[in-house]
Amino acid sequence: MKILVTGGAGFIGSNFIRYIHSKYPDYQVINLDNLTYAGNLENLEDISCNSFYRFIKGDIADASLVSQVLQEEVDVLINFAAESHVDRSIEDASSFIRTNILGTHILLEASKKYKVGRFIQISTDEVYGSLGPEGFFTEGSPLHPNSPYSASKAGADHLVRAYYETFKLPVIITRASNNYGPYQFPEKFIPLFITNAIADEPLPLYGDGLNVRDWLHVEDHCSAIGLILHQGEEGEIYNIGSNCEKTNLEVAQIILKELNKPESLIKFVKDRPGHDRRYALDTSKIKQRLGWHPKHSFASGIRHTITWYREHTSWWTKIKSGEYRHYYQRMYGNR
């Protein structure tokens, strides 16, 4: 099988490529990534010379390049490529609209033209909006995105679904809860708090810290996508979560306790606009129909993640200092 992974140098995409290689070593993987600020080829350095893997630097919004890649008789396209940081979308939404909506449209058009056998759109629980203290989002819940980021992902989801209904393009949409684990860009909540705590720097916590998230280890997310790749039903949406809800304050306290750091490092800061209060997913569909279950508890997953960041300080200190940006500019320029 030949799989095109877009955004494969990012956090979830790189973990998925590594997962596929370990589970299905005979599969061929093409990684198309534009190496924007969160794309990092060091995430796949250990397999970069493997014959199963090929990297192409490029933008999913470049129709000519996407068409050229898909002419290679790709069996499956999995679209991880996305601008995904809510704070950045509040500052300037233009790149989110371009990548998340226009880029997805270009991928869909090319997949239709070259008859890709399966198109998997990696989405997010944020498209559903915010929940009250009770209840869960199902795959049939209406979409009520509250940030420019989640609105752009919801728009992409609508396009993907429309291509199934109109053109019978064999698509599947996945919507996962908040991921954490190795190789996550350290502007995101958990790696930011881990790396700041290691360095004895403040942990900036929005609002009252009581926003609730369901935390999913990236390895569990990858196993769910792998199952959907092989057994998922075309035209369907699958929620992926671990049913492990914690407030942001609880997560901060757990990280500090694991690192033996004082809670005085927590610094409450002004809340961001449109900050969703709670996300929670009903994951019965993927469990009952495909037999998927997460393997990581939050306790074991967060310890594993903290250990990884403690053992890979050179990886995240370079990112925080900005060194890696100069490296990619030398290698690839601004193409």
C-alpha atoms as a PDB file:
ATOM      1  CA  MET A   1       0.000   0.000   0.000  1.00  0.00           C
ATOM      2  CA  LYS A   2       1.195   3.513  -0.824  1.00  0.00           C
ATOM      3  CA  ILE A   3       0.055   6.233   1.591  1.00  0.00           C
ATOM      4  CA  LEU A   4       0.387   9.980   1.139  1.00  0.00           C
ATOM      5  CA  VAL A   5       0.621  11.628   4.551  1.00  0.00           C
ATOM      6  CA  THR A   6       0.255  15.396   4.436  1.00  0.00           C
ATOM      7  CA  GLY A   7       1.704  17.273   7.379  1.00  0.00           C
ATOM      8  CA  GLY A   8       3.840  14.279   8.285  1.00  0.00           C
ATOM      9  CA  ALA A   9       6.624  16.355   9.859  1.00  0.00           C
ATOM     10  CA  GLY A  10       4.250  17.661  12.514  1.00  0.00           C
ATOM     11  CA  PHE A  11       3.373  16.174  15.860  1.00  0.00           C
ATOM     12  CA  ILE A  12       0.582  13.704  15.081  1.00  0.00           C
ATOM     13  CA  GLY A  13       1.651  13.073  11.479  1.00  0.00           C
ATOM     14  CA  SER A  14       5.203  12.085  12.416  1.00  0.00           C
ATOM     15  CA  ASN A  15       3.975   9.813  15.189  1.00  0.00           C
ATOM     16  CA  PHE A  16       1.591   8.189  12.708  1.00  0.00           C
ATOM     17  CA  ILE A  17       4.340   7.573  10.144  1.00  0.00           C
ATOM     18  CA  ARG A  18       6.425   5.934  12.831  1.00  0.00           C
ATOM     19  CA  TYR A  19       3.418   3.857  13.892  1.00  0.00           C
ATOM     20  CA  ILE A  20       2.728   2.693  10.315  1.00  0.00           C
ATOM     21  CA  HIS A  21       6.367   1.742   9.817  1.00  0.00           C
ATOM     22  CA  SER A  22       6.385  -0.385  12.974  1.00  0.00           C
ATOM     23  CA  LYS A  23       3.019  -2.018  12.247  1.00  0.00           C
ATOM     24  CA  TYR A  24       3.163  -2.378   8.443  1.00  0.00           C
ATOM     25  CA  PRO A  25       6.840  -2.214   7.391  1.00  0.00           C
ATOM     26  CA  ASP A  26       6.045  -3.080   3.771  1.00  0.00           C
ATOM     27  CA  TYR A  27       3.836   0.003   3.264  1.00  0.00           C
ATOM     28  CA  GLN A  28       5.248   2.926   1.297  1.00  0.00           C
ATOM     29  CA  VAL A  29       4.812   6.399   2.802  1.00  0.00           C
ATOM     30  CA  ILE A  30       5.185   9.754   1.075  1.00  0.00           C
ATOM     31  CA  ASN A  31       5.376  12.664   3.509  1.00  0.00           C
ATOM     32  CA  LEU A  32       4.275  15.990   2.001  1.00  0.00           C
ATOM     33  CA  ASP A  33       4.974  18.817   4.422  1.00  0.00           C
ATOM     34  CA  ASN A  34       5.620  22.515   3.940  1.00  0.00           C
ATOM     35  CA  LEU A  35       7.871  22.736   7.022  1.00  0.00           C
ATOM     36  CA  THR A  36       6.138  25.740   8.477  1.00  0.00           C
ATOM     37  CA  TYR A  37       7.040  26.711  12.038  1.00  0.00           C
ATOM     38  CA  ALA A  38       5.655  23.488  13.595  1.00  0.00           C
ATOM     39  CA  GLY A  39       7.031  21.084  10.975  1.00  0.00           C
ATOM     40  CA  ASN A  40      10.279  19.477  12.071  1.00  0.00           C
ATOM     41  CA  LEU A  41      12.184  16.827  10.122  1.00  0.00           C
ATOM     42  CA  GLU A  42      14.037  15.845  13.297  1.00  0.00           C
ATOM     43  CA  ASN A  43      10.770  14.169  14.314  1.00  0.00           C
ATOM     44  CA  LEU A  44      11.525  11.482  11.698  1.00  0.00           C
ATOM     45  CA  GLU A  45      15.301  11.551  11.651  1.00  0.00           C
ATOM     46  CA  ASP A  46      15.564   7.920  12.759  1.00  0.00           C
ATOM     47  CA  ILE A  47      13.656   6.644   9.709  1.00  0.00           C
ATOM     48  CA  SER A  48      14.496   9.294   7.111  1.00  0.00           C
ATOM     49  CA  CYS A  49      16.861   6.999   5.184  1.00  0.00           C
ATOM     50  CA  ASN A  50      14.510   4.032   5.156  1.00  0.00           C
ATOM     51  CA  SER A  51      13.421   2.859   1.704  1.00  0.00           C
ATOM     52  CA  PHE A  52       9.751   2.791   2.745  1.00  0.00           C
ATOM     53  CA  TYR A  53       9.751   6.556   3.340  1.00  0.00           C
ATOM     54  CA  ARG A  54      10.086   9.592   1.093  1.00  0.00           C
ATOM     55  CA  PHE A  55       9.842  13.252   2.017  1.00  0.00           C
ATOM     56  CA  ILE A  56       8.598  15.999  -0.308  1.00  0.00           C
ATOM     57  CA  LYS A  57       8.666  19.613   0.810  1.00  0.00           C
ATOM     58  CA  GLY A  58       5.534  21.330  -0.404  1.00  0.00           C
ATOM     59  CA  ASP A  59       2.292  23.111   0.307  1.00  0.00           C
ATOM     60  CA  ILE A  60      -1.055  21.305   0.120  1.00  0.00           C
ATOM     61  CA  ALA A  61      -2.451  24.534  -1.325  1.00  0.00           C
ATOM     62  CA  ASP A  62      -0.106  24.150  -4.329  1.00  0.00           C
ATOM     63  CA  ALA A  63      -2.435  22.439  -6.814  1.00  0.00           C
ATOM     64  CA  SER A  64       0.307  21.677  -9.329  1.00  0.00           C
ATOM     65  CA  LEU A  65       2.506  19.935  -6.769  1.00  0.00           C
ATOM     66  CA  VAL A  66      -0.382  17.989  -5.222  1.00  0.00           C
ATOM     67  CA  SER A  67      -1.419  16.805  -8.673  1.00  0.00           C
ATOM     68  CA  GLN A  68       2.147  15.730  -9.440  1.00  0.00           C
ATOM     69  CA  VAL A  69       2.365  13.690  -6.228  1.00  0.00           C
ATOM     70  CA  LEU A  70      -1.006  11.984  -6.673  1.00  0.00           C
ATOM     71  CA  GLN A  71      -0.128  10.878 -10.181  1.00  0.00           C
ATOM     72  CA  GLU A  72       2.044   8.253  -8.482  1.00  0.00           C
ATOM     73  CA  GLU A  73      -1.011   6.020  -7.901  1.00  0.00           C
ATOM     74  CA  VAL A  74      -1.441   6.737  -4.213  1.00  0.00           C
ATOM     75  CA  ASP A  75      -3.810   4.291  -2.501  1.00  0.00           C
ATOM     76  CA  VAL A  76      -4.652   6.397   0.559  1.00  0.00           C
ATOM     77  CA  LEU A  77      -4.341  10.073   1.430  1.00  0.00           C
ATOM     78  CA  ILE A  78      -4.356  11.006   5.131  1.00  0.00           C
ATOM     79  CA  ASN A  79      -4.577  14.747   5.679  1.00  0.00           C
ATOM     80  CA  PHE A  80      -2.863  15.795   8.907  1.00  0.00           C
ATOM     81  CA  ALA A  81      -1.690  19.098   7.419  1.00  0.00           C
ATOM     82  CA  ALA A  82      -3.223  22.017   9.273  1.00  0.00           C
ATOM     83  CA  GLU A  83      -2.591  25.253  11.054  1.00  0.00           C
ATOM     84  CA  SER A  84      -3.755  24.276  14.524  1.00  0.00           C
ATOM     85  CA  HIS A  85      -2.867  26.770  17.249  1.00  0.00           C
ATOM     86  CA  VAL A  86      -5.922  28.656  18.491  1.00  0.00           C
ATOM     87  CA  ASP A  87      -3.984  31.666  19.799  1.00  0.00           C
ATOM     88  CA  ARG A  88      -2.296  32.161  16.436  1.00  0.00           C
ATOM     89  CA  SER A  89      -5.663  31.973  14.662  1.00  0.00           C
ATOM     90  CA  ILE A  90      -6.965  34.763  16.893  1.00  0.00           C
ATOM     91  CA  GLU A  91      -3.996  36.946  15.972  1.00  0.00           C
ATOM     92  CA  ASP A  92      -4.280  36.252  12.213  1.00  0.00           C
ATOM     93  CA  ALA A  93      -6.644  33.720  10.661  1.00  0.00           C
ATOM     94  CA  SER A  94      -5.474  34.059   7.051  1.00  0.00           C
ATOM     95  CA  SER A  95      -3.036  31.120   7.040  1.00  0.00           C
ATOM     96  CA  PHE A  96      -5.686  28.946   8.715  1.00  0.00           C
ATOM     97  CA  ILE A  97      -8.189  29.669   5.960  1.00  0.00           C
ATOM     98  CA  ARG A  98      -5.582  29.033   3.268  1.00  0.00           C
ATOM     99  CA  THR A  99      -4.195  25.760   4.616  1.00  0.00           C
ATOM    100  CA  ASN A 100      -7.176  24.230   6.393  1.00  0.00           C
ATOM    101  CA  ILE A 101      -9.880  25.086   3.850  1.00  0.00           C
ATOM    102  CA  LEU A 102      -8.224  25.880   0.511  1.00  0.00           C
ATOM    103  CA  GLY A 103      -5.547  23.217   1.025  1.00  0.00           C
ATOM    104  CA  THR A 104      -8.145  20.580   1.851  1.00  0.00           C
ATOM    105  CA  HIS A 105     -10.150  21.538  -1.233  1.00  0.00           C
ATOM    106  CA  ILE A 106      -7.101  21.115  -3.461  1.00  0.00           C
ATOM    107  CA  LEU A 107      -6.404  17.696  -1.944  1.00  0.00           C
ATOM    108  CA  LEU A 108     -10.011  16.649  -2.527  1.00  0.00           C
ATOM    109  CA  GLU A 109     -10.005  17.780  -6.151  1.00  0.00           C
ATOM    110  CA  ALA A 110      -6.768  15.969  -6.901  1.00  0.00           C
ATOM    111  CA  SER A 111      -7.960  12.840  -5.077  1.00  0.00           C
ATOM    112  CA  LYS A 112     -11.101  12.836  -7.181  1.00  0.00           C
ATOM    113  CA  LYS A 113      -9.137  13.312 -10.396  1.00  0.00           C
ATOM    114  CA  TYR A 114      -6.596  10.571  -9.684  1.00  0.00           C
ATOM    115  CA  LYS A 115      -9.061   8.193  -8.017  1.00  0.00           C
ATOM    116  CA  VAL A 116      -7.412   7.902  -4.609  1.00  0.00           C
ATOM    117  CA  GLY A 117      -8.800   4.801  -2.906  1.00  0.00           C
ATOM    118  CA  ARG A 118      -9.407   6.397   0.479  1.00  0.00           C
ATOM    119  CA  PHE A 119      -9.239   9.971   1.821  1.00  0.00           C
ATOM    120  CA  ILE A 120      -8.991  10.374   5.605  1.00  0.00           C
ATOM    121  CA  GLN A 121      -9.477  13.854   7.011  1.00  0.00           C
ATOM    122  CA  ILE A 122      -7.913  14.362  10.443  1.00  0.00           C
ATOM    123  CA  SER A 123     -10.152  16.828  12.245  1.00  0.00           C
ATOM    124  CA  THR A 124     -10.716  17.857  15.865  1.00  0.00           C
ATOM    125  CA  ASP A 125     -13.331  17.840  18.604  1.00  0.00           C
ATOM    126  CA  GLU A 126     -13.093  21.643  18.622  1.00  0.00           C
ATOM    127  CA  VAL A 127     -15.421  21.838  15.612  1.00  0.00           C
ATOM    128  CA  TYR A 128     -18.308  20.938  17.947  1.00  0.00           C
ATOM    129  CA  GLY A 129     -17.793  24.011  20.114  1.00  0.00           C
ATOM    130  CA  SER A 130     -18.163  24.130  23.875  1.00  0.00           C
ATOM    131  CA  LEU A 131     -20.082  21.790  26.187  1.00  0.00           C
ATOM    132  CA  GLY A 132     -21.695  22.412  29.535  1.00  0.00           C
ATOM    133  CA  PRO A 133     -20.764  20.357  32.597  1.00  0.00           C
ATOM    134  CA  GLU A 134     -22.755  17.326  31.384  1.00  0.00           C
ATOM    135  CA  GLY A 135     -23.110  15.324  28.184  1.00  0.00           C
ATOM    136  CA  PHE A 136     -20.926  14.314  25.236  1.00  0.00           C
ATOM    137  CA  PHE A 137     -20.591  15.218  21.578  1.00  0.00           C
ATOM    138  CA  THR A 138     -21.594  12.462  19.164  1.00  0.00           C
ATOM    139  CA  GLU A 139     -20.643  12.283  15.505  1.00  0.00           C
ATOM    140  CA  GLY A 140     -24.101  13.683  14.717  1.00  0.00           C
ATOM    141  CA  SER A 141     -23.773  16.733  16.973  1.00  0.00           C
ATOM    142  CA  PRO A 142     -24.064  20.067  15.149  1.00  0.00           C
ATOM    143  CA  LEU A 143     -20.865  22.001  14.530  1.00  0.00           C
ATOM    144  CA  HIS A 144     -20.532  25.242  16.510  1.00  0.00           C
ATOM    145  CA  PRO A 145     -16.870  26.306  16.223  1.00  0.00           C
ATOM    146  CA  ASN A 146     -15.869  29.241  18.423  1.00  0.00           C
ATOM    147  CA  SER A 147     -12.396  30.175  17.155  1.00  0.00           C
ATOM    148  CA  PRO A 148     -11.034  30.955  13.695  1.00  0.00           C
ATOM    149  CA  TYR A 149      -9.009  27.737  13.932  1.00  0.00           C
ATOM    150  CA  SER A 150     -11.960  25.484  14.723  1.00  0.00           C
ATOM    151  CA  ALA A 151     -14.110  27.311  12.158  1.00  0.00           C
ATOM    152  CA  SER A 152     -11.529  26.572   9.457  1.00  0.00           C
ATOM    153  CA  LYS A 153     -11.462  22.892  10.445  1.00  0.00           C
ATOM    154  CA  ALA A 154     -15.272  22.745  10.445  1.00  0.00           C
ATOM    155  CA  GLY A 155     -15.278  24.277   6.967  1.00  0.00           C
ATOM    156  CA  ALA A 156     -12.839  21.608   5.789  1.00  0.00           C
ATOM    157  CA  ASP A 157     -15.022  18.876   7.305  1.00  0.00           C
ATOM    158  CA  HIS A 158     -18.051  20.181   5.415  1.00  0.00           C
ATOM    159  CA  LEU A 159     -16.084  20.123   2.167  1.00  0.00           C
ATOM    160  CA  VAL A 160     -14.899  16.559   2.765  1.00  0.00           C
ATOM    161  CA  ARG A 161     -18.412  15.355   3.510  1.00  0.00           C
ATOM    162  CA  ALA A 162     -19.746  17.181   0.436  1.00  0.00           C
ATOM    163  CA  TYR A 163     -17.233  15.398  -1.813  1.00  0.00           C
ATOM    164  CA  TYR A 164     -18.557  12.094  -0.526  1.00  0.00           C
ATOM    165  CA  GLU A 165     -22.193  13.024  -1.062  1.00  0.00           C
ATOM    166  CA  THR A 166     -21.690  14.716  -4.426  1.00  0.00           C
ATOM    167  CA  PHE A 167     -18.849  12.769  -6.033  1.00  0.00           C
ATOM    168  CA  LYS A 168     -18.794   9.559  -3.950  1.00  0.00           C
ATOM    169  CA  LEU A 169     -15.163  10.219  -3.094  1.00  0.00           C
ATOM    170  CA  PRO A 170     -14.305   7.531  -0.499  1.00  0.00           C
ATOM    171  CA  VAL A 171     -13.740   9.806   2.498  1.00  0.00           C
ATOM    172  CA  ILE A 172     -13.656   9.302   6.259  1.00  0.00           C
ATOM    173  CA  ILE A 173     -13.468  12.066   8.885  1.00  0.00           C
ATOM    174  CA  THR A 174     -11.889  11.579  12.302  1.00  0.00           C
ATOM    175  CA  ARG A 175     -12.381  13.974  15.221  1.00  0.00           C
ATOM    176  CA  ALA A 176     -10.021  13.475  18.131  1.00  0.00           C
ATOM    177  CA  SER A 177      -9.775  15.037  21.548  1.00  0.00           C
ATOM    178  CA  ASN A 178      -6.665  16.899  22.727  1.00  0.00           C
ATOM    179  CA  ASN A 179      -3.497  14.946  21.952  1.00  0.00           C
ATOM    180  CA  TYR A 180      -0.279  14.851  23.949  1.00  0.00           C
ATOM    181  CA  GLY A 181       2.942  12.879  23.741  1.00  0.00           C
ATOM    182  CA  PRO A 182       6.456  12.950  22.196  1.00  0.00           C
ATOM    183  CA  TYR A 183       7.404  15.465  19.496  1.00  0.00           C
ATOM    184  CA  GLN A 184       4.580  17.927  20.241  1.00  0.00           C
ATOM    185  CA  PHE A 185       5.509  21.511  19.406  1.00  0.00           C
ATOM    186  CA  PRO A 186       6.201  23.293  22.708  1.00  0.00           C
ATOM    187  CA  GLU A 187       3.723  26.112  22.227  1.00  0.00           C
ATOM    188  CA  LYS A 188       0.909  23.632  23.001  1.00  0.00           C
ATOM    189  CA  PHE A 189      -0.401  23.333  26.539  1.00  0.00           C
ATOM    190  CA  ILE A 190       1.207  20.132  27.882  1.00  0.00           C
ATOM    191  CA  PRO A 191       4.675  20.436  26.268  1.00  0.00           C
ATOM    192  CA  LEU A 192       4.784  24.149  27.112  1.00  0.00           C
ATOM    193  CA  PHE A 193       4.059  23.429  30.752  1.00  0.00           C
ATOM    194  CA  ILE A 194       6.491  20.487  30.906  1.00  0.00           C
ATOM    195  CA  THR A 195       9.369  22.382  29.313  1.00  0.00           C
ATOM    196  CA  ASN A 196       8.710  25.548  31.323  1.00  0.00           C
ATOM    197  CA  ALA A 197       8.586  23.542  34.539  1.00  0.00           C
ATOM    198  CA  ILE A 198      11.855  21.764  33.691  1.00  0.00           C
ATOM    199  CA  ALA A 199      13.430  25.194  33.169  1.00  0.00           C
ATOM    200  CA  ASP A 200      11.803  26.634  36.330  1.00  0.00           C
ATOM    201  CA  GLU A 201       9.855  29.126  34.243  1.00  0.00           C
ATOM    202  CA  PRO A 202       6.248  30.238  34.885  1.00  0.00           C
ATOM    203  CA  LEU A 203       3.324  28.116  33.656  1.00  0.00           C
ATOM    204  CA  PRO A 204       0.836  30.619  32.140  1.00  0.00           C
ATOM    205  CA  LEU A 205      -2.658  29.296  32.859  1.00  0.00           C
ATOM    206  CA  TYR A 206      -5.636  30.950  31.159  1.00  0.00           C
ATOM    207  CA  GLY A 207      -8.533  32.276  33.226  1.00  0.00           C
ATOM    208  CA  ASP A 208      -9.426  30.233  36.290  1.00  0.00           C
ATOM    209  CA  GLY A 209      -7.779  27.082  34.899  1.00  0.00           C
ATOM    210  CA  LEU A 210     -11.023  25.113  35.076  1.00  0.00           C
ATOM    211  CA  ASN A 211     -11.497  24.539  31.339  1.00  0.00           C
ATOM    212  CA  VAL A 212     -11.954  20.805  30.813  1.00  0.00           C
ATOM    213  CA  ARG A 213     -10.296  18.701  28.131  1.00  0.00           C
ATOM    214  CA  ASP A 214     -10.256  14.975  27.322  1.00  0.00           C
ATOM    215  CA  TRP A 215      -6.602  14.002  26.939  1.00  0.00           C
ATOM    216  CA  LEU A 216      -5.632  11.378  24.340  1.00  0.00           C
ATOM    217  CA  HIS A 217      -2.104  10.004  24.050  1.00  0.00           C
ATOM    218  CA  VAL A 218      -0.859  10.367  20.485  1.00  0.00           C
ATOM    219  CA  GLU A 219       0.001   6.650  20.247  1.00  0.00           C
ATOM    220  CA  ASP A 220      -3.637   5.786  20.965  1.00  0.00           C
ATOM    221  CA  HIS A 221      -4.740   8.301  18.328  1.00  0.00           C
ATOM    222  CA  CYS A 222      -2.396   6.716  15.785  1.00  0.00           C
ATOM    223  CA  SER A 223      -3.694   3.223  16.527  1.00  0.00           C
ATOM    224  CA  ALA A 224      -7.256   4.467  15.974  1.00  0.00           C
ATOM    225  CA  ILE A 225      -6.327   6.022  12.625  1.00  0.00           C
ATOM    226  CA  GLY A 226      -4.567   2.806  11.617  1.00  0.00           C
ATOM    227  CA  LEU A 227      -7.729   0.847  12.385  1.00  0.00           C
ATOM    228  CA  ILE A 228      -9.901   3.322  10.479  1.00  0.00           C
ATOM    229  CA  LEU A 229      -7.479   3.140   7.542  1.00  0.00           C
ATOM    230  CA  HIS A 230      -8.142  -0.583   7.196  1.00  0.00           C
ATOM    231  CA  GLN A 231     -11.640  -1.097   8.593  1.00  0.00           C
ATOM    232  CA  GLY A 232     -13.370   2.289   8.645  1.00  0.00           C
ATOM    233  CA  GLU A 233     -16.546   2.752   6.631  1.00  0.00           C
ATOM    234  CA  GLU A 234     -16.534   5.279   3.799  1.00  0.00           C
ATOM    235  CA  GLY A 235     -18.616   8.394   4.392  1.00  0.00           C
ATOM    236  CA  GLU A 236     -18.449   7.979   8.174  1.00  0.00           C
ATOM    237  CA  ILE A 237     -17.185  10.206  10.972  1.00  0.00           C
ATOM    238  CA  TYR A 238     -15.401   8.705  13.987  1.00  0.00           C
ATOM    239  CA  ASN A 239     -14.853  10.433  17.325  1.00  0.00           C
ATOM    240  CA  ILE A 240     -11.586   9.416  18.990  1.00  0.00           C
ATOM    241  CA  GLY A 241     -11.040  10.104  22.678  1.00  0.00           C
ATOM    242  CA  SER A 242      -9.911   8.496  25.911  1.00  0.00           C
ATOM    243  CA  ASN A 243     -12.773   9.599  28.198  1.00  0.00           C
ATOM    244  CA  CYS A 244     -10.165  11.117  30.496  1.00  0.00           C
ATOM    245  CA  GLU A 245     -11.422  14.579  31.399  1.00  0.00           C
ATOM    246  CA  LYS A 246      -9.248  16.904  33.454  1.00  0.00           C
ATOM    247  CA  THR A 247      -9.207  20.624  34.091  1.00  0.00           C
ATOM    248  CA  ASN A 248      -6.197  22.527  32.839  1.00  0.00           C
ATOM    249  CA  LEU A 249      -5.360  23.317  36.451  1.00  0.00           C
ATOM    250  CA  GLU A 250      -5.326  19.617  37.337  1.00  0.00           C
ATOM    251  CA  VAL A 251      -2.968  18.880  34.439  1.00  0.00           C
ATOM    252  CA  ALA A 252      -0.624  21.669  35.508  1.00  0.00           C
ATOM    253  CA  GLN A 253      -0.582  20.344  39.065  1.00  0.00           C
ATOM    254  CA  ILE A 254       0.117  16.783  37.884  1.00  0.00           C
ATOM    255  CA  ILE A 255       3.043  17.955  35.733  1.00  0.00           C
ATOM    256  CA  LEU A 256       4.549  19.936  38.608  1.00  0.00           C
ATOM    257  CA  LYS A 257       4.157  17.024  41.013  1.00  0.00           C
ATOM    258  CA  GLU A 258       5.817  14.592  38.583  1.00  0.00           C
ATOM    259  CA  LEU A 259       8.736  17.011  38.149  1.00  0.00           C
ATOM    260  CA  ASN A 260       8.897  17.819  41.872  1.00  0.00           C
ATOM    261  CA  LYS A 261       8.352  21.524  41.164  1.00  0.00           C
ATOM    262  CA  PRO A 262       6.364  24.000  43.295  1.00  0.00           C
ATOM    263  CA  GLU A 263       2.814  25.028  42.366  1.00  0.00           C
ATOM    264  CA  SER A 264       3.959  28.624  42.749  1.00  0.00           C
ATOM    265  CA  LEU A 265       5.186  28.298  39.138  1.00  0.00           C
ATOM    266  CA  ILE A 266       1.525  28.470  38.014  1.00  0.00           C
ATOM    267  CA  LYS A 267       0.697  32.011  36.903  1.00  0.00           C
ATOM    268  CA  PHE A 268      -2.925  32.766  36.073  1.00  0.00           C
ATOM    269  CA  VAL A 269      -3.209  35.036  33.016  1.00  0.00           C
ATOM    270  CA  LYS A 270      -6.064  36.780  31.231  1.00  0.00           C
ATOM    271  CA  ASP A 271      -8.321  34.303  29.436  1.00  0.00           C
ATOM    272  CA  ARG A 272      -8.258  34.196  25.655  1.00  0.00           C
ATOM    273  CA  PRO A 273     -11.325  35.226  23.613  1.00  0.00           C
ATOM    274  CA  GLY A 274     -13.828  32.477  22.805  1.00  0.00           C
ATOM    275  CA  HIS A 275     -12.155  29.951  25.103  1.00  0.00           C
ATOM    276  CA  ASP A 276     -14.289  26.795  25.045  1.00  0.00           C
ATOM    277  CA  ARG A 277     -15.163  25.599  28.539  1.00  0.00           C
ATOM    278  CA  ARG A 278     -15.366  21.853  28.016  1.00  0.00           C
ATOM    279  CA  TYR A 279     -14.864  19.229  25.314  1.00  0.00           C
ATOM    280  CA  ALA A 280     -16.036  15.637  25.725  1.00  0.00           C
ATOM    281  CA  LEU A 281     -16.626  12.985  23.085  1.00  0.00           C
ATOM    282  CA  ASP A 282     -18.934  10.004  22.855  1.00  0.00           C
ATOM    283  CA  THR A 283     -16.539   7.388  21.456  1.00  0.00           C
ATOM    284  CA  SER A 284     -18.933   4.431  21.485  1.00  0.00           C
ATOM    285  CA  LYS A 285     -19.054   4.273  17.675  1.00  0.00           C
ATOM    286  CA  ILE A 286     -15.368   3.481  17.100  1.00  0.00           C
ATOM    287  CA  LYS A 287     -15.330   1.154  20.102  1.00  0.00           C
ATOM    288  CA  GLN A 288     -18.409  -0.827  19.151  1.00  0.00           C
ATOM    289  CA  ARG A 289     -17.959  -0.913  15.378  1.00  0.00           C
ATOM    290  CA  LEU A 290     -14.173  -1.230  15.111  1.00  0.00           C
ATOM    291  CA  GLY A 291     -13.180  -2.551  18.519  1.00  0.00           C
ATOM    292  CA  TRP A 292     -10.758   0.278  19.313  1.00  0.00           C
ATOM    293  CA  HIS A 293      -9.809   1.155  22.884  1.00  0.00           C
ATOM    294  CA  PRO A 294      -7.046   3.431  24.186  1.00  0.00           C
ATOM    295  CA  LYS A 295      -4.165   1.690  25.938  1.00  0.00           C
ATOM    296  CA  HIS A 296      -2.705   4.643  27.850  1.00  0.00           C
ATOM    297  CA  SER A 297      -4.159   5.949  31.089  1.00  0.00           C
ATOM    298  CA  PHE A 298      -3.448   9.631  31.674  1.00  0.00           C
ATOM    299  CA  ALA A 299      -1.232   8.748  34.642  1.00  0.00           C
ATOM    300  CA  SER A 300       1.031   6.483  32.573  1.00  0.00           C
ATOM    301  CA  GLY A 301       0.807   8.637  29.449  1.00  0.00           C
ATOM    302  CA  ILE A 302       1.819  11.870  31.153  1.00  0.00           C
ATOM    303  CA  ARG A 303       4.732  10.164  32.922  1.00  0.00           C
ATOM    304  CA  HIS A 304       5.901   8.751  29.586  1.00  0.00           C
ATOM    305  CA  THR A 305       5.578  12.197  28.002  1.00  0.00           C
ATOM    306  CA  ILE A 306       7.427  14.000  30.797  1.00  0.00           C
ATOM    307  CA  THR A 307      10.233  11.442  30.617  1.00  0.00           C
ATOM    308  CA  TRP A 308      10.511  11.963  26.846  1.00  0.00           C
ATOM    309  CA  TYR A 309      10.867  15.741  27.188  1.00  0.00           C
ATOM    310  CA  ARG A 310      13.398  15.361  29.993  1.00  0.00           C
ATOM    311  CA  GLU A 311      15.453  13.019  27.798  1.00  0.00           C
ATOM    312  CA  HIS A 312      15.169  15.169  24.650  1.00  0.00           C
ATOM    313  CA  THR A 313      16.046  18.631  25.914  1.00  0.00           C
ATOM    314  CA  SER A 314      18.104  19.403  22.804  1.00  0.00           C
ATOM    315  CA  TRP A 315      14.999  18.839  20.633  1.00  0.00           C
ATOM    316  CA  TRP A 316      12.802  21.370  22.410  1.00  0.00           C
ATOM    317  CA  THR A 317      15.462  23.893  23.436  1.00  0.00           C
ATOM    318  CA  LYS A 318      16.399  24.326  19.763  1.00  0.00           C
ATOM    319  CA  ILE A 319      12.742  24.888  18.899  1.00  0.00           C
ATOM    320  CA  LYS A 320      12.256  27.396  21.677  1.00  0.00           C
ATOM    321  CA  SER A 321      15.403  29.269  20.660  1.00  0.00           C
ATOM    322  CA  GLY A 322      14.390  29.321  16.999  1.00  0.00           C
ATOM    323  CA  GLU A 323      17.534  27.559  15.739  1.00  0.00           C
ATOM    324  CA  TYR A 324      15.640  25.025  13.660  1.00  0.00           C
ATOM    325  CA  ARG A 325      14.022  27.758  11.538  1.00  0.00           C
ATOM    326  CA  HIS A 326      17.421  28.910  10.287  1.00  0.00           C
ATOM    327  CA  TYR A 327      18.356  25.295   9.514  1.00  0.00           C
ATOM    328  CA  TYR A 328      15.318  24.749   7.261  1.00  0.00           C
ATOM    329  CA  GLN A 329      15.767  28.105   5.575  1.00  0.00           C
ATOM    330  CA  ARG A 330      19.309  27.100   4.615  1.00  0.00           C
ATOM    331  CA  MET A 331      18.130  23.702   3.352  1.00  0.00           C
ATOM    332  CA  TYR A 332      14.989  24.652   1.514  1.00  0.00           C
ATOM    333  CA  GLY A 333      14.862  28.428   1.280  1.00  0.00           C
ATOM    334  CA  ASN A 334      11.377  29.938   1.152  1.00  0.00           C
ATOM    335  CA  ARG A 335       9.997  27.673  -1.600  1.00  0.00           C
END
